[in-house]
Amino acid sequence: MKQFFKMFMASFLGCAVAAGFMFIFTFSLIGSLAAFTDKGTPAIPSSFILKVDISAGLAEQTQEESLDIQSLYLGGEPVSSHLGILDAVRAIDKAAEDSAVKMIYINNCSFSVDVSYLEELRAALLRFRKSGKPIVAYDDNLSLGGWYIASTADKIYLSELASNQVYGISSQIFYLKDLLSRLGVNVQLIRHGQYKSAGEMYIADDISSANKEQNQAMISSLWNTLSSDISESRGYAPGELDDIIDGLKASTTEDMVEYKMIDGIRNHIGMTEELCSLFGVESEKELKFASLSAYAGARITNDIKQKAKVAIIYADGEITSGSDDEEITGDRFASIISEVRADSTIKAVVFRVNSPGGDAQAAEVIRNEMELLAKEKPVIASYGSYAASGGYWISAGAQKIFTDRTTLTGSIGVFSIIPDFSKAVREKLHVNPVFIKSGQHADMLSLMRPFDAQETESMQKTVDMVYDKFISIVSDGRGMAADDVDKIAGGRVWTGAEAVEIGLADECGSLYDALNYAVSAADLEGYRLVSYPAVKTTLEKLMENFNSTEESVQTLLNITDPEAFMETLGENVRRHTGVQARIPYIYKFQ
């Protein structure tokens, strides 16, 4: 009777939830289809101010607005569209020569965007300034990322009560060994490379000297890039900006004007009057604006008459051996690369890498296909925010590597983490797992006991083997002696600026620069740009959301079955216990 009641309640809950989500899905589908069919080329005024407000965010590829079932269920709004960084940069370059664009207005500067996107966007804004057209920036507060972009402007204005949030760059790492010990979890970390600190937070209570060294070097390099660019634009002498920030001298807006961080203080009315004056009109009603995303949609088009193509392959996300097409899955990407290689109309390839790395075997599957591709077409690599560990593995063989100065790359090292939950299961959950096995090591990866000495040695040999393979890949791809690669490897993470100095990259430059180089390498007069993987449509995203919702409901129902739930948990953990080529951390900057 108890089993019958459990099954009945689970079935009833499943039917009820499925019915509810089916209603929401139908509603979302109707709305999205209506929006989809209603879209057209954005209307652009004949004379206007180009408004750069990227509060919605930037992405690797332009993504249209979509509806999300879960957000609708919670009473949310449609998911905003994201403008691809290349489209943003090309739009700003187009605006420089477009007589309809009279100026650029940078608004809402306090956005949180990957620092490499800011670097590429800033370079385009500096090129725009050479056209002689003005750039003006305004915001309610000042953040480091916002100021980095706003410093390209002729004038920077803030509201009267704006706060100065420019304090420098810092990173924060939480060490969890004591907590995990209290929970009865023993993390077994096997790695190669003294700087390969991924997993260190699970086995230590404090940062190692090697990890502290590399983190300090990275932070200093990133700050040097941002502060030197800002200082050049704002006219600071060497060391002057550090003195202002470290001394907290610019706390108020008046202070910020005094120390040349901004040019003036305006409320929204005053800023409107300023724009009217610059645009040459009398009233706010006469101001004409176009957003950067709308302008890109209207002006950045492909010449479909061109037969020759340049492909951009976007390797954006974590490298995995699974089937998640939101990540860089080995087999799927190998198939994409093979498709590009077979297309005779594609004359050159830009391999855009924005990945912290991941599964080493999946990375090798992708690299093998990239090697075949490079034998037939020019392959130029472009590094975004991350091209580290596995991200570097898959791209080291490119003909030329462009990197943003703020990219985090290198991390040439590997590791494997195998947690042991035996103490937690026995002492905290009061569950006693019993194994019947064919041999001494049959339950080695059960996660229910610690490794013995022989097993640890075996795993270390595997990790060392993968590390040696990584070294040889970099050695061959970069034309460096293996010993020289090993000296800059060891899992150490470098910024893009440092990577150029030590030979891991060829030139500091953006995706835009890499594209122009690829066109030149293929000696193309005209071309059509094609992107892989293709950006999903709104309908495709909706269908995926619906499928993921069904999976979530099934997972919830599995909780009523402890055996099935523990099996699912074990499978998910084991997926990430293989040898990994991954950067230690994901860094975010405001």
Protein backbone atom coordinates (compact mmCIF):
# COMPACT_ATOMS: atom_id res chain seq x y z
CA MET A 1 0.00 0.00 0.00
CA LYS A 2 2.84 2.41 0.86
CA GLN A 3 4.53 1.74 -2.50
CA PHE A 4 1.20 2.19 -4.31
CA PHE A 5 0.59 5.53 -2.56
CA LYS A 6 4.09 6.75 -3.42
CA MET A 7 3.67 5.86 -7.09
CA PHE A 8 0.20 7.37 -7.21
CA MET A 9 1.35 10.68 -5.72
CA ALA A 10 4.38 10.82 -8.02
CA SER A 11 2.21 10.16 -11.09
CA PHE A 12 -0.38 12.71 -9.98
CA LEU A 13 2.29 15.36 -9.35
CA GLY A 14 3.93 14.63 -12.68
CA CYS A 15 0.66 14.97 -14.59
CA ALA A 16 -0.26 18.19 -12.78
CA VAL A 17 3.13 19.80 -13.36
CA ALA A 18 3.22 18.65 -16.99
CA ALA A 19 -0.22 20.11 -17.62
CA GLY A 20 0.76 23.39 -16.05
CA PHE A 21 3.93 23.67 -18.08
CA MET A 22 2.10 22.68 -21.25
CA PHE A 23 -0.20 25.65 -20.76
CA ILE A 24 2.73 27.99 -20.20
CA PHE A 25 4.57 26.52 -23.16
CA THR A 26 1.58 27.05 -25.47
CA PHE A 27 1.20 30.63 -24.29
CA SER A 28 4.93 31.29 -24.76
CA LEU A 29 4.96 29.70 -28.21
CA ILE A 30 2.09 31.85 -29.45
CA GLY A 31 3.74 35.00 -28.11
CA SER A 32 7.16 34.17 -29.50
CA LEU A 33 5.81 33.28 -32.93
CA ALA A 34 3.91 36.59 -33.03
CA ALA A 35 7.06 38.48 -32.10
CA PHE A 36 9.13 36.47 -34.56
CA THR A 37 6.86 37.16 -37.54
CA ASP A 38 6.59 40.84 -36.60
CA LYS A 39 10.33 41.49 -36.77
CA GLY A 40 11.89 43.42 -39.57
CA THR A 41 14.83 45.68 -40.29
CA PRO A 42 15.00 48.36 -37.56
CA ALA A 43 13.99 51.86 -38.68
CA ILE A 44 16.97 54.24 -38.54
CA PRO A 45 16.52 58.07 -38.68
CA SER A 46 18.19 60.04 -41.44
CA SER A 47 20.21 61.98 -38.86
CA PHE A 48 20.72 60.72 -35.32
CA ILE A 49 22.84 60.10 -32.25
CA LEU A 50 24.19 56.57 -31.92
CA LYS A 51 23.44 55.44 -28.37
CA VAL A 52 25.85 52.93 -26.86
CA ASP A 53 23.99 51.36 -23.95
CA ILE A 54 25.05 47.76 -23.49
CA SER A 55 23.35 47.18 -20.16
CA ALA A 56 21.64 44.18 -21.79
CA GLY A 57 25.11 42.74 -22.24
CA LEU A 58 27.49 41.68 -24.97
CA ALA A 59 28.06 38.13 -26.17
CA GLU A 60 30.25 36.21 -28.55
CA GLN A 61 27.46 36.06 -31.14
CA THR A 62 24.41 38.25 -31.60
CA GLN A 63 21.35 36.60 -30.08
CA GLU A 64 17.78 37.65 -30.69
CA GLU A 65 15.29 38.27 -27.88
CA SER A 66 13.73 35.04 -26.67
CA LEU A 67 11.09 33.90 -24.22
CA ASP A 68 11.99 31.69 -21.31
CA ILE A 69 9.37 29.37 -19.85
CA GLN A 70 10.72 29.49 -16.33
CA SER A 71 10.95 33.29 -16.24
CA LEU A 72 7.39 33.57 -17.55
CA TYR A 73 6.19 31.12 -14.92
CA LEU A 74 7.74 33.35 -12.25
CA GLY A 75 6.18 36.45 -13.75
CA GLY A 76 9.38 37.64 -15.45
CA GLU A 77 10.04 39.36 -18.75
CA PRO A 78 11.39 37.99 -22.03
CA VAL A 79 15.13 37.32 -22.02
CA SER A 80 16.92 40.32 -23.54
CA SER A 81 18.83 40.03 -26.77
CA HIS A 82 22.61 40.22 -26.66
CA LEU A 83 24.71 42.00 -29.25
CA GLY A 84 27.70 40.03 -30.50
CA ILE A 85 31.02 41.76 -29.92
CA LEU A 86 32.01 41.58 -33.60
CA ASP A 87 28.70 43.11 -34.71
CA ALA A 88 29.12 45.84 -32.08
CA VAL A 89 32.62 46.69 -33.27
CA ARG A 90 31.69 46.59 -36.96
CA ALA A 91 28.71 48.83 -36.28
CA ILE A 92 30.87 51.47 -34.57
CA ASP A 93 33.37 51.36 -37.44
CA LYS A 94 30.48 51.75 -39.89
CA ALA A 95 29.16 54.70 -37.89
CA ALA A 96 32.47 56.51 -38.25
CA GLU A 97 31.94 56.81 -42.02
CA ASP A 98 28.13 57.11 -41.93
CA SER A 99 27.07 60.74 -42.45
CA ALA A 100 23.75 60.04 -40.71
CA VAL A 101 25.58 59.38 -37.41
CA LYS A 102 26.41 62.75 -35.86
CA MET A 103 27.91 61.56 -32.57
CA ILE A 104 28.02 58.72 -30.05
CA TYR A 105 26.31 58.94 -26.68
CA ILE A 106 27.60 56.40 -24.14
CA ASN A 107 24.91 55.91 -21.52
CA ASN A 108 24.51 53.48 -18.64
CA CYS A 109 28.24 52.89 -18.23
CA SER A 110 27.91 50.85 -15.02
CA PHE A 111 27.38 47.52 -16.76
CA SER A 112 28.95 44.18 -15.92
CA VAL A 113 30.59 42.79 -19.05
CA ASP A 114 33.59 40.53 -19.61
CA VAL A 115 36.65 42.74 -19.62
CA SER A 116 37.82 41.47 -23.03
CA TYR A 117 34.58 42.73 -24.58
CA LEU A 118 35.22 46.13 -23.03
CA GLU A 119 38.72 46.13 -24.48
CA GLU A 120 37.49 45.35 -28.01
CA LEU A 121 34.61 47.82 -27.78
CA ARG A 122 36.96 50.52 -26.49
CA ALA A 123 39.34 50.04 -29.42
CA ALA A 124 36.44 50.60 -31.83
CA LEU A 125 35.38 53.77 -30.00
CA LEU A 126 38.91 55.13 -30.26
CA ARG A 127 38.84 54.50 -34.01
CA PHE A 128 35.51 56.34 -34.15
CA ARG A 129 37.07 59.39 -32.50
CA LYS A 130 39.51 59.67 -35.39
CA SER A 131 36.53 60.53 -37.62
CA GLY A 132 36.25 63.84 -35.77
CA LYS A 133 32.74 63.12 -34.51
CA PRO A 134 32.18 63.69 -30.79
CA ILE A 135 31.63 61.07 -28.10
CA VAL A 136 29.87 62.01 -24.87
CA ALA A 137 29.35 59.75 -21.84
CA TYR A 138 26.88 60.05 -18.95
CA ASP A 139 25.89 57.85 -16.03
CA ASP A 140 24.49 57.88 -12.51
CA ASN A 141 27.58 56.19 -11.02
CA LEU A 142 31.11 55.37 -12.08
CA SER A 143 32.47 51.82 -12.13
CA LEU A 144 35.86 50.66 -13.37
CA GLY A 145 34.45 48.95 -16.46
CA GLY A 146 32.18 51.88 -17.20
CA TRP A 147 35.00 54.39 -16.81
CA TYR A 148 37.23 52.28 -19.04
CA ILE A 149 34.69 52.67 -21.84
CA ALA A 150 33.70 56.26 -20.98
CA SER A 151 37.34 57.39 -21.01
CA THR A 152 37.18 57.28 -24.82
CA ALA A 153 34.71 60.18 -24.74
CA ASP A 154 35.47 63.84 -25.33
CA LYS A 155 33.40 64.61 -22.25
CA ILE A 156 32.31 62.47 -19.28
CA TYR A 157 29.41 63.63 -17.11
CA LEU A 158 27.92 62.17 -13.94
CA SER A 159 24.80 62.96 -11.96
CA GLU A 160 25.27 65.15 -8.88
CA LEU A 161 24.96 62.34 -6.30
CA ALA A 162 26.97 59.79 -8.26
CA SER A 163 29.29 57.49 -6.35
CA ASN A 164 32.82 56.62 -7.37
CA GLN A 165 33.18 52.85 -7.44
CA VAL A 166 36.63 52.80 -9.04
CA TYR A 167 38.89 51.16 -6.47
CA GLY A 168 41.06 48.91 -8.63
CA ILE A 169 40.84 45.17 -9.32
CA SER A 170 40.63 42.41 -6.76
CA SER A 171 39.88 38.70 -6.74
CA GLN A 172 38.42 36.59 -3.94
CA ILE A 173 38.95 32.89 -3.39
CA PHE A 174 37.12 30.80 -0.79
CA TYR A 175 38.95 27.85 0.73
CA LEU A 176 36.68 24.98 1.74
CA LYS A 177 38.82 22.24 3.26
CA ASP A 178 37.60 22.79 6.83
CA LEU A 179 33.95 22.93 5.76
CA LEU A 180 34.24 19.78 3.64
CA SER A 181 36.01 17.97 6.47
CA ARG A 182 33.14 18.83 8.81
CA LEU A 183 30.73 17.42 6.22
CA GLY A 184 32.78 14.26 5.90
CA VAL A 185 33.88 14.88 2.30
CA ASN A 186 37.47 14.03 1.35
CA VAL A 187 38.58 15.60 -1.97
CA GLN A 188 41.43 13.76 -3.70
CA LEU A 189 43.28 16.11 -6.06
CA ILE A 190 45.84 14.72 -8.50
CA ARG A 191 47.57 17.30 -10.68
CA HIS A 192 50.66 18.19 -12.67
CA GLY A 193 52.03 21.72 -12.36
CA GLN A 194 52.74 23.77 -9.27
CA TYR A 195 50.54 26.59 -10.59
CA LYS A 196 47.63 24.29 -11.50
CA SER A 197 45.50 25.50 -8.62
CA ALA A 198 42.12 24.26 -9.84
CA GLY A 199 40.78 22.26 -6.91
CA GLU A 200 43.19 23.80 -4.42
CA MET A 201 40.32 25.41 -2.51
CA TYR A 202 38.97 21.93 -1.72
CA ILE A 203 42.16 20.54 -0.19
CA ALA A 204 43.63 23.58 1.59
CA ASP A 205 42.62 26.20 4.12
CA ASP A 206 44.75 28.96 2.58
CA ILE A 207 46.27 29.95 -0.73
CA SER A 208 49.57 28.37 -1.79
CA SER A 209 52.57 30.58 -2.49
CA ALA A 210 52.56 29.59 -6.19
CA ASN A 211 48.87 30.37 -6.57
CA LYS A 212 49.25 33.68 -4.76
CA GLU A 213 52.15 34.56 -7.05
CA GLN A 214 50.22 33.88 -10.26
CA ASN A 215 47.05 35.61 -9.04
CA GLN A 216 48.98 38.72 -8.04
CA ALA A 217 50.76 38.77 -11.40
CA MET A 218 47.44 38.44 -13.27
CA ILE A 219 45.72 41.18 -11.27
CA SER A 220 48.71 43.49 -11.73
CA SER A 221 48.82 42.85 -15.47
CA LEU A 222 45.08 43.46 -15.87
CA TRP A 223 45.26 46.65 -13.84
CA ASN A 224 48.25 47.85 -15.83
CA THR A 225 46.27 47.43 -19.07
CA LEU A 226 43.16 49.24 -17.85
CA SER A 227 44.95 51.99 -15.90
CA SER A 228 47.45 52.75 -18.67
CA ASP A 229 44.65 53.06 -21.25
CA ILE A 230 42.59 55.31 -18.98
CA SER A 231 45.63 57.40 -18.07
CA GLU A 232 46.47 57.96 -21.72
CA SER A 233 42.92 59.06 -22.52
CA ARG A 234 42.48 61.27 -19.43
CA GLY A 235 45.96 62.78 -19.50
CA TYR A 236 47.36 61.33 -16.28
CA ALA A 237 51.10 61.21 -15.67
CA PRO A 238 52.64 57.82 -14.78
CA GLY A 239 51.59 56.85 -11.26
CA GLU A 240 49.07 59.68 -10.95
CA LEU A 241 45.99 57.48 -11.30
CA ASP A 242 47.26 55.02 -8.69
CA ASP A 243 47.86 57.91 -6.32
CA ILE A 244 44.28 59.18 -6.77
CA ILE A 245 42.68 55.76 -6.29
CA ASP A 246 44.89 54.45 -3.48
CA GLY A 247 44.48 57.75 -1.63
CA LEU A 248 40.66 57.71 -2.09
CA LYS A 249 40.96 61.31 -3.20
CA ALA A 250 37.91 61.35 -5.50
CA SER A 251 35.00 60.49 -3.20
CA THR A 252 32.51 63.12 -4.39
CA THR A 253 31.56 64.28 -7.85
CA GLU A 254 33.34 67.58 -7.18
CA ASP A 255 36.46 65.60 -6.31
CA MET A 256 36.11 63.58 -9.50
CA VAL A 257 36.00 66.79 -11.54
CA GLU A 258 39.03 68.13 -9.69
CA TYR A 259 41.06 64.99 -10.34
CA LYS A 260 40.00 64.80 -14.00
CA MET A 261 38.05 61.57 -13.66
CA ILE A 262 35.04 63.32 -15.20
CA ASP A 263 34.46 66.63 -16.95
CA GLY A 264 31.27 67.86 -15.34
CA ILE A 265 28.16 67.25 -13.26
CA ARG A 266 24.73 67.13 -14.86
CA ASN A 267 21.25 66.02 -13.91
CA HIS A 268 19.10 64.36 -16.57
CA ILE A 269 17.63 67.68 -17.66
CA GLY A 270 21.07 69.24 -17.97
CA MET A 271 22.34 66.25 -19.94
CA THR A 272 19.42 66.53 -22.34
CA GLU A 273 20.25 70.20 -22.90
CA GLU A 274 23.88 69.23 -23.54
CA LEU A 275 22.82 66.71 -26.19
CA CYS A 276 20.49 69.22 -27.83
CA SER A 277 23.36 71.67 -28.10
CA LEU A 278 25.71 69.10 -29.61
CA PHE A 279 23.06 67.76 -31.99
CA GLY A 280 22.04 71.27 -33.03
CA VAL A 281 18.37 71.25 -32.01
CA GLU A 282 16.27 73.32 -29.64
CA SER A 283 14.22 70.78 -27.72
CA GLU A 284 14.32 67.20 -26.46
CA LYS A 285 11.56 66.24 -28.91
CA GLU A 286 13.93 66.94 -31.79
CA LEU A 287 16.63 64.57 -30.54
CA LYS A 288 16.89 61.43 -32.63
CA PHE A 289 18.57 58.27 -31.33
CA ALA A 290 19.37 54.79 -32.57
CA SER A 291 20.67 52.07 -30.28
CA LEU A 292 23.87 50.25 -31.16
CA SER A 293 22.00 46.95 -31.52
CA ALA A 294 19.35 48.49 -33.82
CA TYR A 295 22.03 50.20 -35.90
CA ALA A 296 24.01 46.97 -36.19
CA GLY A 297 20.86 45.14 -37.30
CA ALA A 298 20.21 47.73 -40.00
CA ARG A 299 23.72 48.41 -41.27
CA ILE A 300 25.77 45.24 -40.71
CA THR A 301 24.67 42.91 -43.46
CA ASN A 302 26.25 40.12 -45.44
CA ASP A 303 26.76 40.37 -49.19
CA ILE A 304 24.97 37.18 -50.18
CA LYS A 305 26.22 37.57 -53.76
CA GLN A 306 29.76 36.79 -52.65
CA LYS A 307 30.68 33.16 -53.21
CA ALA A 308 33.85 33.22 -51.13
CA LYS A 309 33.26 32.85 -47.41
CA VAL A 310 35.18 33.42 -44.21
CA ALA A 311 33.98 31.24 -41.36
CA ILE A 312 34.10 32.13 -37.68
CA ILE A 313 33.94 29.07 -35.43
CA TYR A 314 32.88 30.18 -31.96
CA ALA A 315 34.28 27.90 -29.25
CA ASP A 316 32.40 29.55 -26.42
CA GLY A 317 31.98 27.78 -23.08
CA GLU A 318 33.31 24.78 -21.23
CA ILE A 319 34.82 21.87 -23.17
CA THR A 320 32.90 18.69 -22.38
CA SER A 321 32.44 15.18 -23.63
CA GLY A 322 28.69 15.30 -23.02
CA SER A 323 25.82 16.24 -25.32
CA ASP A 324 25.04 19.76 -24.03
CA ASP A 325 25.04 21.95 -27.13
CA GLU A 326 25.39 25.07 -25.00
CA GLU A 327 28.97 23.97 -24.31
CA ILE A 328 31.91 22.95 -26.49
CA THR A 329 31.20 19.26 -26.84
CA GLY A 330 33.94 17.22 -28.49
CA ASP A 331 32.02 15.20 -31.06
CA ARG A 332 29.67 18.04 -32.03
CA PHE A 333 32.51 20.50 -32.58
CA ALA A 334 34.56 17.95 -34.47
CA SER A 335 31.59 17.52 -36.80
CA ILE A 336 31.28 21.30 -37.25
CA ILE A 337 34.97 21.66 -38.05
CA SER A 338 34.78 18.77 -40.52
CA GLU A 339 31.84 20.50 -42.22
CA VAL A 340 33.83 23.73 -42.55
CA ARG A 341 36.81 21.83 -43.96
CA ALA A 342 34.63 20.15 -46.60
CA ASP A 343 33.09 23.43 -47.79
CA SER A 344 35.24 24.61 -50.70
CA THR A 345 33.62 28.06 -50.66
CA ILE A 346 35.10 28.76 -47.20
CA LYS A 347 38.52 30.24 -47.89
CA ALA A 348 39.68 31.14 -44.37
CA VAL A 349 38.68 30.43 -40.78
CA VAL A 350 38.77 32.49 -37.60
CA PHE A 351 38.75 30.23 -34.55
CA ARG A 352 37.26 32.36 -31.78
CA VAL A 353 38.06 30.82 -28.40
CA ASN A 354 36.31 31.98 -25.26
CA SER A 355 36.76 28.97 -23.03
CA PRO A 356 38.20 28.19 -19.59
CA GLY A 357 38.90 24.64 -20.78
CA GLY A 358 37.45 21.38 -19.54
CA ASP A 359 37.68 17.74 -20.50
CA ALA A 360 41.10 16.86 -21.97
CA GLN A 361 39.82 14.02 -24.17
CA ALA A 362 37.14 16.22 -25.71
CA ALA A 363 39.77 18.92 -26.31
CA GLU A 364 41.95 16.42 -28.16
CA VAL A 365 39.04 15.35 -30.38
CA ILE A 366 38.53 18.99 -31.37
CA ARG A 367 42.26 19.64 -31.83
CA ASN A 368 42.63 16.70 -34.20
CA GLU A 369 39.96 18.15 -36.48
CA MET A 370 41.49 21.63 -36.23
CA GLU A 371 44.82 20.15 -37.33
CA LEU A 372 43.21 18.71 -40.46
CA LEU A 373 41.44 22.01 -41.15
CA ALA A 374 44.69 24.01 -40.84
CA LYS A 375 46.27 21.87 -43.57
CA GLU A 376 43.68 23.09 -46.08
CA LYS A 377 42.74 26.64 -45.08
CA PRO A 378 44.28 29.54 -43.14
CA VAL A 379 43.17 29.22 -39.50
CA ILE A 380 43.57 32.33 -37.36
CA ALA A 381 42.82 32.14 -33.65
CA SER A 382 41.19 34.95 -31.70
CA TYR A 383 41.07 34.85 -27.90
CA GLY A 384 38.22 36.36 -25.91
CA SER A 385 38.00 36.53 -22.12
CA TYR A 386 39.49 33.04 -21.71
CA ALA A 387 41.58 30.76 -23.86
CA ALA A 388 43.02 28.77 -21.01
CA SER A 389 44.06 25.17 -20.49
CA GLY A 390 41.73 23.17 -22.78
CA GLY A 391 40.90 26.42 -24.58
CA TYR A 392 44.59 26.80 -25.39
CA TRP A 393 44.92 23.08 -26.18
CA ILE A 394 42.44 23.27 -29.07
CA SER A 395 43.93 26.42 -30.62
CA ALA A 396 47.72 26.21 -30.13
CA GLY A 397 48.19 25.00 -33.71
CA ALA A 398 46.62 28.04 -35.38
CA GLN A 399 48.62 29.86 -38.04
CA LYS A 400 48.47 33.06 -35.98
CA ILE A 401 47.03 33.82 -32.55
CA PHE A 402 45.46 37.17 -31.68
CA THR A 403 44.67 37.80 -28.04
CA ASP A 404 43.11 40.62 -26.09
CA ARG A 405 45.53 42.02 -23.54
CA THR A 406 43.03 41.18 -20.79
CA THR A 407 42.50 37.58 -21.94
CA LEU A 408 43.40 34.89 -19.41
CA THR A 409 45.28 32.16 -21.24
CA GLY A 410 47.97 29.53 -20.77
CA SER A 411 47.15 27.36 -17.73
CA ILE A 412 49.06 24.55 -19.44
CA GLY A 413 48.49 21.85 -16.87
CA VAL A 414 46.04 19.11 -16.01
CA PHE A 415 44.36 17.70 -12.93
CA SER A 416 41.78 15.23 -11.73
CA ILE A 417 39.47 15.57 -8.73
CA ILE A 418 37.88 12.51 -7.21
CA PRO A 419 35.75 13.17 -4.12
CA ASP A 420 35.34 10.53 -1.44
CA PHE A 421 31.89 10.71 0.18
CA SER A 422 32.27 7.62 2.36
CA LYS A 423 32.54 9.46 5.68
CA ALA A 424 29.67 11.79 4.82
CA VAL A 425 27.43 8.89 3.76
CA ARG A 426 28.19 6.75 6.79
CA GLU A 427 28.46 9.35 9.57
CA LYS A 428 26.12 12.09 8.35
CA LEU A 429 23.51 10.17 6.38
CA HIS A 430 23.87 6.92 8.32
CA VAL A 431 23.95 4.89 5.11
CA ASN A 432 26.29 1.91 4.75
CA PRO A 433 27.25 1.12 1.11
CA VAL A 434 28.40 -2.46 0.55
CA PHE A 435 30.32 -3.50 -2.60
CA ILE A 436 30.73 -6.94 -4.08
CA LYS A 437 33.66 -6.74 -6.50
CA SER A 438 35.71 -8.87 -8.85
CA GLY A 439 39.07 -7.42 -7.90
CA GLN A 440 40.91 -5.09 -5.54
CA HIS A 441 40.28 -1.90 -7.54
CA ALA A 442 36.86 -2.58 -9.11
CA ASP A 443 35.22 0.05 -6.85
CA MET A 444 38.01 2.60 -7.33
CA LEU A 445 35.70 5.24 -8.82
CA SER A 446 32.69 4.50 -6.65
CA LEU A 447 33.26 7.75 -4.70
CA MET A 448 32.56 5.72 -1.56
CA ARG A 449 36.14 5.12 -0.39
CA PRO A 450 39.53 6.86 -0.54
CA PHE A 451 42.23 5.80 -2.99
CA ASP A 452 44.98 3.53 -1.75
CA ALA A 453 48.63 4.29 -2.59
CA GLN A 454 48.64 2.13 -5.73
CA GLU A 455 45.51 3.82 -7.09
CA THR A 456 46.90 7.29 -6.41
CA GLU A 457 50.11 6.39 -8.24
CA SER A 458 48.12 5.06 -11.19
CA MET A 459 46.03 8.22 -11.44
CA GLN A 460 49.18 10.37 -11.20
CA LYS A 461 50.69 8.48 -14.15
CA THR A 462 47.57 9.22 -16.19
CA VAL A 463 47.67 12.91 -15.30
CA ASP A 464 51.41 13.09 -16.11
CA MET A 465 50.79 11.41 -19.47
CA VAL A 466 48.14 13.98 -20.42
CA TYR A 467 50.42 16.82 -19.27
CA ASP A 468 53.26 15.55 -21.48
CA LYS A 469 50.82 15.42 -24.40
CA PHE A 470 49.79 19.01 -23.69
CA ILE A 471 53.44 20.13 -23.70
CA SER A 472 54.06 18.44 -27.06
CA ILE A 473 50.95 20.06 -28.57
CA VAL A 474 52.13 23.52 -27.56
CA SER A 475 55.69 22.75 -28.63
CA ASP A 476 54.58 21.71 -32.12
CA GLY A 477 51.98 24.45 -32.49
CA ARG A 478 54.17 27.33 -31.35
CA GLY A 479 57.49 26.08 -32.69
CA MET A 480 59.07 26.03 -29.24
CA ALA A 481 61.31 23.48 -27.55
CA ALA A 482 59.43 21.25 -25.12
CA ASP A 483 61.67 22.33 -22.24
CA ASP A 484 60.94 25.99 -22.98
CA VAL A 485 57.20 25.27 -22.97
CA ASP A 486 57.51 23.46 -19.65
CA LYS A 487 59.16 26.52 -18.10
CA ILE A 488 56.10 28.69 -18.80
CA ALA A 489 53.58 25.90 -18.24
CA GLY A 490 53.10 24.16 -14.90
CA GLY A 491 49.47 25.26 -14.96
CA ARG A 492 50.32 28.95 -14.74
CA VAL A 493 47.72 31.39 -16.03
CA TRP A 494 48.93 34.40 -18.05
CA THR A 495 47.17 37.48 -19.34
CA GLY A 496 47.09 38.06 -23.08
CA ALA A 497 49.63 40.86 -22.78
CA GLU A 498 52.03 38.47 -21.02
CA ALA A 499 51.25 35.64 -23.47
CA VAL A 500 52.58 37.69 -26.39
CA GLU A 501 55.81 38.40 -24.50
CA ILE A 502 56.47 34.72 -23.70
CA GLY A 503 55.45 33.35 -27.10
CA LEU A 504 52.08 31.78 -26.33
CA ALA A 505 50.36 34.26 -28.69
CA ASP A 506 51.54 36.32 -31.65
CA GLU A 507 49.80 39.67 -31.37
CA CYS A 508 47.49 41.69 -29.16
CA GLY A 509 44.33 42.25 -31.13
CA SER A 510 40.60 41.72 -31.25
CA LEU A 511 38.26 39.40 -33.10
CA TYR A 512 37.90 42.22 -35.62
CA ASP A 513 41.70 42.25 -36.14
CA ALA A 514 41.79 38.46 -36.51
CA LEU A 515 39.04 38.61 -39.12
CA ASN A 516 40.87 41.23 -41.15
CA TYR A 517 44.06 39.17 -40.99
CA ALA A 518 42.22 36.03 -42.14
CA VAL A 519 40.77 37.91 -45.12
CA SER A 520 44.28 39.11 -46.01
CA ALA A 521 45.78 35.63 -45.54
CA ALA A 522 43.25 34.21 -48.00
CA ASP A 523 43.85 37.14 -50.38
CA LEU A 524 40.13 37.92 -50.66
CA GLU A 525 38.70 41.01 -52.32
CA GLY A 526 35.17 40.31 -51.16
CA TYR A 527 33.65 37.69 -48.91
CA ARG A 528 30.59 36.58 -47.03
CA LEU A 529 30.83 35.92 -43.29
CA VAL A 530 29.41 32.67 -41.93
CA SER A 531 29.30 31.64 -38.28
CA TYR A 532 29.44 28.24 -36.60
CA PRO A 533 27.62 26.97 -34.59
CA ALA A 534 24.54 28.74 -35.94
CA VAL A 535 22.70 30.93 -33.43
CA LYS A 536 19.47 29.28 -32.36
CA THR A 537 16.13 30.79 -33.22
CA THR A 538 13.56 31.79 -30.62
CA LEU A 539 11.47 28.72 -31.40
CA GLU A 540 14.44 26.37 -30.98
CA LYS A 541 15.26 27.93 -27.60
CA LEU A 542 11.64 27.58 -26.50
CA MET A 543 11.57 23.91 -27.39
CA GLU A 544 14.80 23.33 -25.49
CA ASN A 545 13.44 25.17 -22.45
CA PHE A 546 10.37 22.95 -22.51
CA ASN A 547 12.48 19.79 -22.72
CA SER A 548 14.76 20.96 -19.88
CA THR A 549 11.69 21.68 -17.76
CA GLU A 550 10.48 18.09 -18.27
CA GLU A 551 13.90 16.83 -17.19
CA SER A 552 13.81 19.02 -14.07
CA VAL A 553 10.41 17.62 -13.12
CA GLN A 554 11.70 14.08 -13.61
CA THR A 555 14.71 14.84 -11.39
CA LEU A 556 12.38 16.19 -8.74
CA LEU A 557 10.32 13.00 -8.88
CA ASN A 558 13.50 10.92 -8.60
CA ILE A 559 14.06 12.35 -5.13
CA THR A 560 11.25 10.03 -4.01
CA ASP A 561 13.46 7.15 -5.13
CA PRO A 562 16.80 7.38 -3.21
CA GLU A 563 18.52 4.73 -5.32
CA ALA A 564 17.72 6.49 -8.62
CA PHE A 565 18.64 9.88 -7.14
CA MET A 566 22.05 8.66 -5.88
CA GLU A 567 22.74 7.05 -9.25
CA THR A 568 22.01 10.35 -11.04
CA LEU A 569 24.23 12.22 -8.59
CA GLY A 570 27.04 9.72 -9.07
CA GLU A 571 26.85 9.97 -12.86
CA ASN A 572 27.04 13.77 -12.72
CA VAL A 573 30.05 13.72 -10.39
CA ARG A 574 31.90 11.07 -12.41
CA ARG A 575 31.46 13.14 -15.57
CA HIS A 576 33.84 15.70 -14.05
CA THR A 577 36.33 13.34 -12.41
CA GLY A 578 38.29 12.56 -15.57
CA VAL A 579 41.51 14.38 -16.43
CA GLN A 580 40.69 18.05 -16.81
CA ALA A 581 42.49 20.86 -18.64
CA ARG A 582 40.71 23.79 -17.05
CA ILE A 583 41.54 27.24 -15.68
CA PRO A 584 41.32 27.44 -11.86
CA TYR A 585 38.77 30.24 -11.65
CA ILE A 586 36.32 32.34 -13.60
CA TYR A 587 37.05 36.04 -13.09
CA LYS A 588 34.41 38.77 -13.34
CA PHE A 589 35.00 42.50 -13.37
CA GLN A 590 32.55 45.34 -12.70
